[in-house]
Amino acid sequence: MKQTNNSTQNPIFPQGDKANPDYFTGNAWVKLLVSENEFNSIIGNVTFEAGARNNWHTHPGGQILIVTDGIGYYQEKGKPIQLIQRGDVIKIPADIKHWHGASKDNALTHIAITSATPKGAVDWLERVTDEEFNSYNQ
């Protein structure tokens, strides 16, 4: 089954700044909505172009993703890739190695809510390989 773009084409927040290419493959943008100094959490709106994704990473305090637009992928290490789309909420426990991003053919936008702990908010790891990214089975 071919993925279809269910994007509303009507973003809630501005696109933000280009994401750090050390931690992202492809083009992505981050609009910080709440800084960690405000509520011990970081809330950002993240937009990925089709095919873009972040590196494998963990969060010492966990993370919640709320998909607001598009179609993408989410994967925990050792598990199959999950298709995610507008309206999905992904709850990621602390220290779970994972990645997320847009699907091959569609952009993705999500709100990321990340706990800011004394150990930090995120531990960036290695890039997601093209082989890993392309392993999604519909």
N, C-alpha and C. Protein backbone atom coordinates (compact mmCIF):
# COMPACT_ATOMS: atom_id res chain seq x y z
N MET A 1 0.85 -1.18 0.00
CA MET A 1 0.00 0.00 0.00
C MET A 1 0.89 1.24 0.00
N LYS A 2 0.68 2.13 -0.92
CA LYS A 2 1.47 3.36 -1.00
C LYS A 2 0.99 4.34 0.05
N GLN A 3 1.96 5.00 0.67
CA GLN A 3 1.62 6.02 1.66
C GLN A 3 1.03 7.22 0.93
N THR A 4 0.06 7.84 1.56
CA THR A 4 -0.49 9.06 1.00
C THR A 4 -0.22 10.19 1.96
N ASN A 5 -0.10 11.37 1.44
CA ASN A 5 0.20 12.52 2.28
C ASN A 5 -1.09 13.05 2.88
N ASN A 6 -1.24 12.90 4.19
CA ASN A 6 -2.42 13.41 4.87
C ASN A 6 -2.14 14.76 5.51
N SER A 7 -1.13 15.44 5.03
CA SER A 7 -0.71 16.72 5.59
C SER A 7 -1.79 17.78 5.41
N THR A 8 -1.95 18.58 6.44
CA THR A 8 -2.92 19.66 6.37
C THR A 8 -2.37 20.86 5.61
N GLN A 9 -1.03 20.91 5.43
CA GLN A 9 -0.39 22.04 4.76
C GLN A 9 -0.70 23.36 5.46
N ASN A 10 -0.97 23.29 6.74
CA ASN A 10 -1.32 24.48 7.51
C ASN A 10 -0.63 24.40 8.86
N PRO A 11 0.68 24.74 8.91
CA PRO A 11 1.43 24.55 10.15
C PRO A 11 0.89 25.38 11.31
N ILE A 12 1.00 24.80 12.50
CA ILE A 12 0.55 25.49 13.71
C ILE A 12 1.57 26.54 14.14
N PHE A 13 2.87 26.20 14.04
CA PHE A 13 3.95 27.08 14.48
C PHE A 13 4.88 27.38 13.32
N PRO A 14 5.66 28.47 13.41
CA PRO A 14 6.66 28.75 12.39
C PRO A 14 7.69 27.62 12.32
N GLN A 15 8.32 27.48 11.17
CA GLN A 15 9.26 26.39 10.93
C GLN A 15 10.45 26.38 11.89
N GLY A 16 10.95 27.51 12.28
CA GLY A 16 12.07 27.55 13.22
C GLY A 16 13.42 27.52 12.54
N ASP A 17 14.44 27.14 13.31
CA ASP A 17 15.82 27.13 12.84
C ASP A 17 16.21 25.77 12.29
N LYS A 18 17.12 25.77 11.36
CA LYS A 18 17.63 24.51 10.79
C LYS A 18 18.23 23.66 11.91
N ALA A 19 17.87 22.38 11.91
CA ALA A 19 18.36 21.45 12.93
C ALA A 19 19.85 21.18 12.71
N ASN A 20 20.55 20.88 13.78
CA ASN A 20 21.99 20.62 13.74
C ASN A 20 22.29 19.41 12.87
N PRO A 21 23.04 19.58 11.79
CA PRO A 21 23.32 18.46 10.88
C PRO A 21 24.18 17.36 11.52
N ASP A 22 24.77 17.62 12.69
CA ASP A 22 25.49 16.56 13.39
C ASP A 22 24.53 15.51 13.94
N TYR A 23 23.27 15.88 14.12
CA TYR A 23 22.30 14.99 14.75
C TYR A 23 21.11 14.63 13.85
N PHE A 24 21.09 15.17 12.63
CA PHE A 24 19.98 14.93 11.70
C PHE A 24 20.53 14.58 10.32
N THR A 25 19.85 13.67 9.63
CA THR A 25 20.13 13.36 8.23
C THR A 25 19.00 13.99 7.43
N GLY A 26 19.34 14.77 6.42
CA GLY A 26 18.32 15.48 5.65
C GLY A 26 17.98 16.81 6.30
N ASN A 27 16.99 17.49 5.76
CA ASN A 27 16.61 18.81 6.25
C ASN A 27 15.52 18.72 7.30
N ALA A 28 15.78 19.35 8.43
CA ALA A 28 14.81 19.42 9.52
C ALA A 28 14.96 20.78 10.20
N TRP A 29 13.88 21.22 10.84
CA TRP A 29 13.88 22.51 11.52
C TRP A 29 13.26 22.36 12.90
N VAL A 30 13.76 23.16 13.84
CA VAL A 30 13.27 23.11 15.22
C VAL A 30 12.84 24.50 15.66
N LYS A 31 11.62 24.60 16.16
CA LYS A 31 11.11 25.84 16.75
C LYS A 31 10.91 25.57 18.23
N LEU A 32 11.79 26.12 19.07
CA LEU A 32 11.69 25.93 20.51
C LEU A 32 10.47 26.70 21.03
N LEU A 33 9.58 25.99 21.72
CA LEU A 33 8.36 26.60 22.26
C LEU A 33 8.49 26.88 23.76
N VAL A 34 9.19 26.00 24.49
CA VAL A 34 9.43 26.15 25.92
C VAL A 34 10.86 25.72 26.19
N SER A 35 11.63 26.57 26.84
CA SER A 35 13.01 26.20 27.15
C SER A 35 13.06 25.46 28.48
N GLU A 36 14.14 24.71 28.69
CA GLU A 36 14.25 23.89 29.90
C GLU A 36 14.28 24.72 31.18
N ASN A 37 14.64 25.97 31.09
CA ASN A 37 14.70 26.82 32.27
C ASN A 37 13.32 27.22 32.78
N GLU A 38 12.31 27.06 31.93
CA GLU A 38 10.97 27.50 32.32
C GLU A 38 10.21 26.47 33.16
N PHE A 39 10.21 25.21 32.76
CA PHE A 39 9.41 24.19 33.43
C PHE A 39 10.12 22.85 33.55
N ASN A 40 11.45 22.85 33.57
CA ASN A 40 12.22 21.62 33.62
C ASN A 40 11.86 20.68 32.47
N SER A 41 11.45 21.26 31.37
CA SER A 41 11.16 20.48 30.17
C SER A 41 11.50 21.34 28.96
N ILE A 42 11.68 20.66 27.86
CA ILE A 42 11.92 21.33 26.59
C ILE A 42 10.79 20.91 25.66
N ILE A 43 10.12 21.88 25.08
CA ILE A 43 9.05 21.58 24.14
C ILE A 43 9.40 22.27 22.83
N GLY A 44 9.47 21.48 21.78
CA GLY A 44 9.81 22.03 20.48
C GLY A 44 8.93 21.47 19.39
N ASN A 45 8.72 22.29 18.37
CA ASN A 45 8.03 21.86 17.17
C ASN A 45 9.11 21.49 16.16
N VAL A 46 9.10 20.24 15.68
CA VAL A 46 10.14 19.76 14.78
C VAL A 46 9.51 19.39 13.45
N THR A 47 10.06 19.92 12.37
CA THR A 47 9.58 19.66 11.02
C THR A 47 10.67 18.95 10.23
N PHE A 48 10.32 17.83 9.61
CA PHE A 48 11.25 17.03 8.80
C PHE A 48 10.78 17.03 7.35
N GLU A 49 11.68 17.30 6.40
CA GLU A 49 11.37 17.07 5.00
C GLU A 49 11.28 15.57 4.76
N ALA A 50 10.63 15.18 3.67
CA ALA A 50 10.55 13.76 3.31
C ALA A 50 11.95 13.15 3.34
N GLY A 51 12.08 11.99 3.99
CA GLY A 51 13.35 11.28 4.07
C GLY A 51 14.29 11.74 5.17
N ALA A 52 13.97 12.83 5.86
CA ALA A 52 14.83 13.34 6.93
C ALA A 52 14.52 12.61 8.23
N ARG A 53 15.55 12.46 9.06
CA ARG A 53 15.39 11.81 10.37
C ARG A 53 16.50 12.25 11.29
N ASN A 54 16.29 11.99 12.59
CA ASN A 54 17.35 12.29 13.54
C ASN A 54 18.18 11.04 13.80
N ASN A 55 19.30 11.21 14.48
CA ASN A 55 20.17 10.09 14.86
C ASN A 55 19.48 9.23 15.91
N TRP A 56 20.02 8.05 16.12
CA TRP A 56 19.65 7.27 17.30
C TRP A 56 19.96 8.14 18.52
N HIS A 57 19.13 8.07 19.53
CA HIS A 57 19.36 8.85 20.74
C HIS A 57 18.52 8.30 21.89
N THR A 58 18.81 8.79 23.09
CA THR A 58 18.04 8.44 24.28
C THR A 58 17.73 9.73 25.03
N HIS A 59 16.78 9.64 25.94
CA HIS A 59 16.42 10.76 26.82
C HIS A 59 16.42 10.26 28.26
N PRO A 60 17.27 10.82 29.12
CA PRO A 60 17.32 10.37 30.52
C PRO A 60 15.97 10.47 31.23
N GLY A 61 15.14 11.41 30.83
CA GLY A 61 13.83 11.59 31.47
C GLY A 61 12.66 11.20 30.59
N GLY A 62 12.92 10.59 29.45
CA GLY A 62 11.85 10.19 28.53
C GLY A 62 11.43 11.34 27.62
N GLN A 63 10.50 11.01 26.72
CA GLN A 63 10.02 11.99 25.75
C GLN A 63 8.62 11.61 25.28
N ILE A 64 7.84 12.61 24.92
CA ILE A 64 6.54 12.42 24.30
C ILE A 64 6.56 13.15 22.95
N LEU A 65 6.11 12.47 21.91
CA LEU A 65 5.96 13.07 20.59
C LEU A 65 4.48 13.16 20.25
N ILE A 66 4.03 14.32 19.79
CA ILE A 66 2.66 14.51 19.34
C ILE A 66 2.74 14.90 17.87
N VAL A 67 2.29 14.00 17.00
CA VAL A 67 2.38 14.24 15.56
C VAL A 67 1.25 15.17 15.15
N THR A 68 1.63 16.32 14.58
CA THR A 68 0.64 17.33 14.19
C THR A 68 0.42 17.40 12.69
N ASP A 69 1.30 16.78 11.91
CA ASP A 69 1.16 16.87 10.45
C ASP A 69 2.03 15.82 9.78
N GLY A 70 1.55 15.27 8.69
CA GLY A 70 2.35 14.41 7.85
C GLY A 70 2.40 12.95 8.26
N ILE A 71 3.39 12.25 7.69
CA ILE A 71 3.58 10.82 7.91
C ILE A 71 5.05 10.57 8.15
N GLY A 72 5.35 9.75 9.16
CA GLY A 72 6.75 9.50 9.46
C GLY A 72 6.96 8.13 10.06
N TYR A 73 8.16 7.96 10.61
CA TYR A 73 8.58 6.69 11.21
C TYR A 73 9.08 6.94 12.63
N TYR A 74 8.89 5.92 13.47
CA TYR A 74 9.45 5.89 14.80
C TYR A 74 9.98 4.47 15.02
N GLN A 75 11.19 4.36 15.59
CA GLN A 75 11.73 3.04 15.85
C GLN A 75 12.51 3.02 17.14
N GLU A 76 12.26 1.99 17.95
CA GLU A 76 13.08 1.69 19.11
C GLU A 76 14.06 0.61 18.71
N LYS A 77 15.28 0.68 19.23
CA LYS A 77 16.32 -0.29 18.90
C LYS A 77 15.82 -1.71 19.15
N GLY A 78 16.01 -2.58 18.14
CA GLY A 78 15.61 -3.98 18.25
C GLY A 78 14.17 -4.26 17.90
N LYS A 79 13.39 -3.22 17.58
CA LYS A 79 11.98 -3.39 17.21
C LYS A 79 11.76 -2.88 15.79
N PRO A 80 10.68 -3.33 15.13
CA PRO A 80 10.40 -2.84 13.78
C PRO A 80 10.02 -1.36 13.77
N ILE A 81 10.20 -0.72 12.64
CA ILE A 81 9.79 0.68 12.46
C ILE A 81 8.27 0.76 12.51
N GLN A 82 7.77 1.79 13.18
CA GLN A 82 6.33 2.06 13.24
C GLN A 82 6.01 3.25 12.35
N LEU A 83 4.92 3.17 11.63
CA LEU A 83 4.42 4.30 10.87
C LEU A 83 3.69 5.22 11.83
N ILE A 84 3.99 6.51 11.79
CA ILE A 84 3.31 7.49 12.64
C ILE A 84 2.71 8.56 11.76
N GLN A 85 1.58 9.11 12.20
CA GLN A 85 0.92 10.14 11.40
C GLN A 85 0.12 11.07 12.29
N ARG A 86 -0.37 12.12 11.69
CA ARG A 86 -1.11 13.17 12.38
C ARG A 86 -2.09 12.57 13.38
N GLY A 87 -2.01 13.07 14.62
CA GLY A 87 -2.89 12.61 15.69
C GLY A 87 -2.27 11.56 16.59
N ASP A 88 -1.14 10.97 16.18
CA ASP A 88 -0.49 9.95 17.01
C ASP A 88 0.28 10.59 18.16
N VAL A 89 0.29 9.89 19.29
CA VAL A 89 1.07 10.29 20.46
C VAL A 89 1.98 9.13 20.80
N ILE A 90 3.28 9.39 20.83
CA ILE A 90 4.27 8.36 21.11
C ILE A 90 4.90 8.67 22.45
N LYS A 91 4.82 7.73 23.40
CA LYS A 91 5.38 7.89 24.74
C LYS A 91 6.65 7.06 24.81
N ILE A 92 7.79 7.71 24.98
CA ILE A 92 9.09 7.05 24.96
C ILE A 92 9.66 7.05 26.37
N PRO A 93 9.78 5.88 26.99
CA PRO A 93 10.33 5.82 28.35
C PRO A 93 11.79 6.30 28.41
N ALA A 94 12.24 6.62 29.60
CA ALA A 94 13.62 7.07 29.82
C ALA A 94 14.61 6.02 29.32
N ASP A 95 15.67 6.52 28.70
CA ASP A 95 16.83 5.73 28.27
C ASP A 95 16.55 4.69 27.19
N ILE A 96 15.42 4.79 26.49
CA ILE A 96 15.14 3.89 25.37
C ILE A 96 15.80 4.46 24.11
N LYS A 97 16.66 3.65 23.48
CA LYS A 97 17.35 4.07 22.26
C LYS A 97 16.35 4.05 21.11
N HIS A 98 16.22 5.19 20.41
CA HIS A 98 15.22 5.32 19.37
C HIS A 98 15.62 6.40 18.36
N TRP A 99 14.84 6.49 17.29
CA TRP A 99 14.94 7.59 16.32
C TRP A 99 13.55 7.85 15.76
N HIS A 100 13.37 9.02 15.12
CA HIS A 100 12.12 9.36 14.46
C HIS A 100 12.39 10.35 13.35
N GLY A 101 11.46 10.39 12.40
CA GLY A 101 11.60 11.32 11.28
C GLY A 101 10.51 11.11 10.26
N ALA A 102 10.65 11.79 9.14
CA ALA A 102 9.66 11.71 8.06
C ALA A 102 9.76 10.38 7.33
N SER A 103 8.70 9.99 6.66
CA SER A 103 8.74 8.81 5.80
C SER A 103 9.52 9.16 4.53
N LYS A 104 9.69 8.17 3.67
CA LYS A 104 10.45 8.39 2.43
C LYS A 104 9.78 9.42 1.53
N ASP A 105 8.43 9.45 1.52
CA ASP A 105 7.70 10.26 0.54
C ASP A 105 6.91 11.42 1.12
N ASN A 106 6.94 11.59 2.44
CA ASN A 106 6.12 12.61 3.08
C ASN A 106 6.89 13.36 4.15
N ALA A 107 6.56 14.63 4.31
CA ALA A 107 7.11 15.42 5.41
C ALA A 107 6.42 15.00 6.71
N LEU A 108 7.00 15.39 7.83
CA LEU A 108 6.44 15.10 9.15
C LEU A 108 6.70 16.29 10.07
N THR A 109 5.70 16.63 10.87
CA THR A 109 5.88 17.63 11.93
C THR A 109 5.34 17.05 13.23
N HIS A 110 6.14 17.19 14.29
CA HIS A 110 5.67 16.76 15.60
C HIS A 110 6.13 17.73 16.66
N ILE A 111 5.40 17.72 17.77
CA ILE A 111 5.82 18.44 18.96
C ILE A 111 6.54 17.44 19.83
N ALA A 112 7.74 17.79 20.27
CA ALA A 112 8.54 16.93 21.14
C ALA A 112 8.56 17.55 22.54
N ILE A 113 8.15 16.76 23.52
CA ILE A 113 8.16 17.19 24.92
C ILE A 113 9.19 16.32 25.63
N THR A 114 10.25 16.97 26.11
CA THR A 114 11.38 16.24 26.68
C THR A 114 11.68 16.76 28.08
N SER A 115 11.82 15.84 29.03
CA SER A 115 12.18 16.21 30.40
C SER A 115 13.63 16.67 30.45
N ALA A 116 13.88 17.74 31.15
CA ALA A 116 15.24 18.22 31.39
C ALA A 116 15.65 17.71 32.77
N THR A 117 16.54 16.74 32.81
CA THR A 117 16.96 16.12 34.07
C THR A 117 18.37 16.58 34.44
N PRO A 118 18.82 16.28 35.65
CA PRO A 118 20.21 16.59 36.00
C PRO A 118 21.21 15.89 35.07
N LYS A 119 20.79 14.79 34.43
CA LYS A 119 21.64 14.08 33.47
C LYS A 119 21.53 14.69 32.07
N GLY A 120 20.73 15.73 31.90
CA GLY A 120 20.53 16.35 30.60
C GLY A 120 19.21 15.94 29.99
N ALA A 121 18.97 16.38 28.76
CA ALA A 121 17.71 16.10 28.08
C ALA A 121 17.84 15.02 27.01
N VAL A 122 19.00 14.96 26.36
CA VAL A 122 19.18 14.01 25.25
C VAL A 122 20.64 13.57 25.17
N ASP A 123 20.82 12.31 24.83
CA ASP A 123 22.15 11.77 24.53
C ASP A 123 22.13 11.33 23.08
N TRP A 124 22.83 12.08 22.23
CA TRP A 124 22.87 11.77 20.80
C TRP A 124 23.86 10.64 20.53
N LEU A 125 23.46 9.74 19.64
CA LEU A 125 24.26 8.57 19.30
C LEU A 125 24.53 8.55 17.79
N GLU A 126 24.76 7.38 17.25
CA GLU A 126 25.15 7.25 15.83
C GLU A 126 23.98 7.56 14.89
N ARG A 127 24.34 7.83 13.63
CA ARG A 127 23.33 8.08 12.60
C ARG A 127 22.52 6.83 12.31
N VAL A 128 21.28 7.03 11.90
CA VAL A 128 20.45 5.94 11.39
C VAL A 128 20.92 5.70 9.96
N THR A 129 21.32 4.48 9.66
CA THR A 129 21.83 4.17 8.32
C THR A 129 20.68 4.17 7.31
N ASP A 130 21.02 4.31 6.04
CA ASP A 130 20.01 4.21 4.99
C ASP A 130 19.36 2.83 5.02
N GLU A 131 20.14 1.80 5.30
CA GLU A 131 19.59 0.45 5.38
C GLU A 131 18.55 0.35 6.50
N GLU A 132 18.86 0.91 7.66
CA GLU A 132 17.88 0.91 8.77
C GLU A 132 16.64 1.70 8.39
N PHE A 133 16.83 2.90 7.82
CA PHE A 133 15.72 3.76 7.44
C PHE A 133 14.82 3.09 6.40
N ASN A 134 15.44 2.41 5.45
CA ASN A 134 14.68 1.79 4.35
C ASN A 134 14.09 0.44 4.71
N SER A 135 14.21 0.02 5.98
CA SER A 135 13.73 -1.31 6.37
C SER A 135 12.25 -1.34 6.73
N TYR A 136 11.56 -0.20 6.61
CA TYR A 136 10.12 -0.18 6.93
C TYR A 136 9.37 -1.09 5.97
N ASN A 137 8.59 -2.01 6.53
CA ASN A 137 7.74 -2.91 5.73
C ASN A 137 6.30 -2.52 5.92
N GLN A 138 5.65 -2.16 4.83
CA GLN A 138 4.26 -1.72 4.89
C GLN A 138 3.34 -2.89 5.13
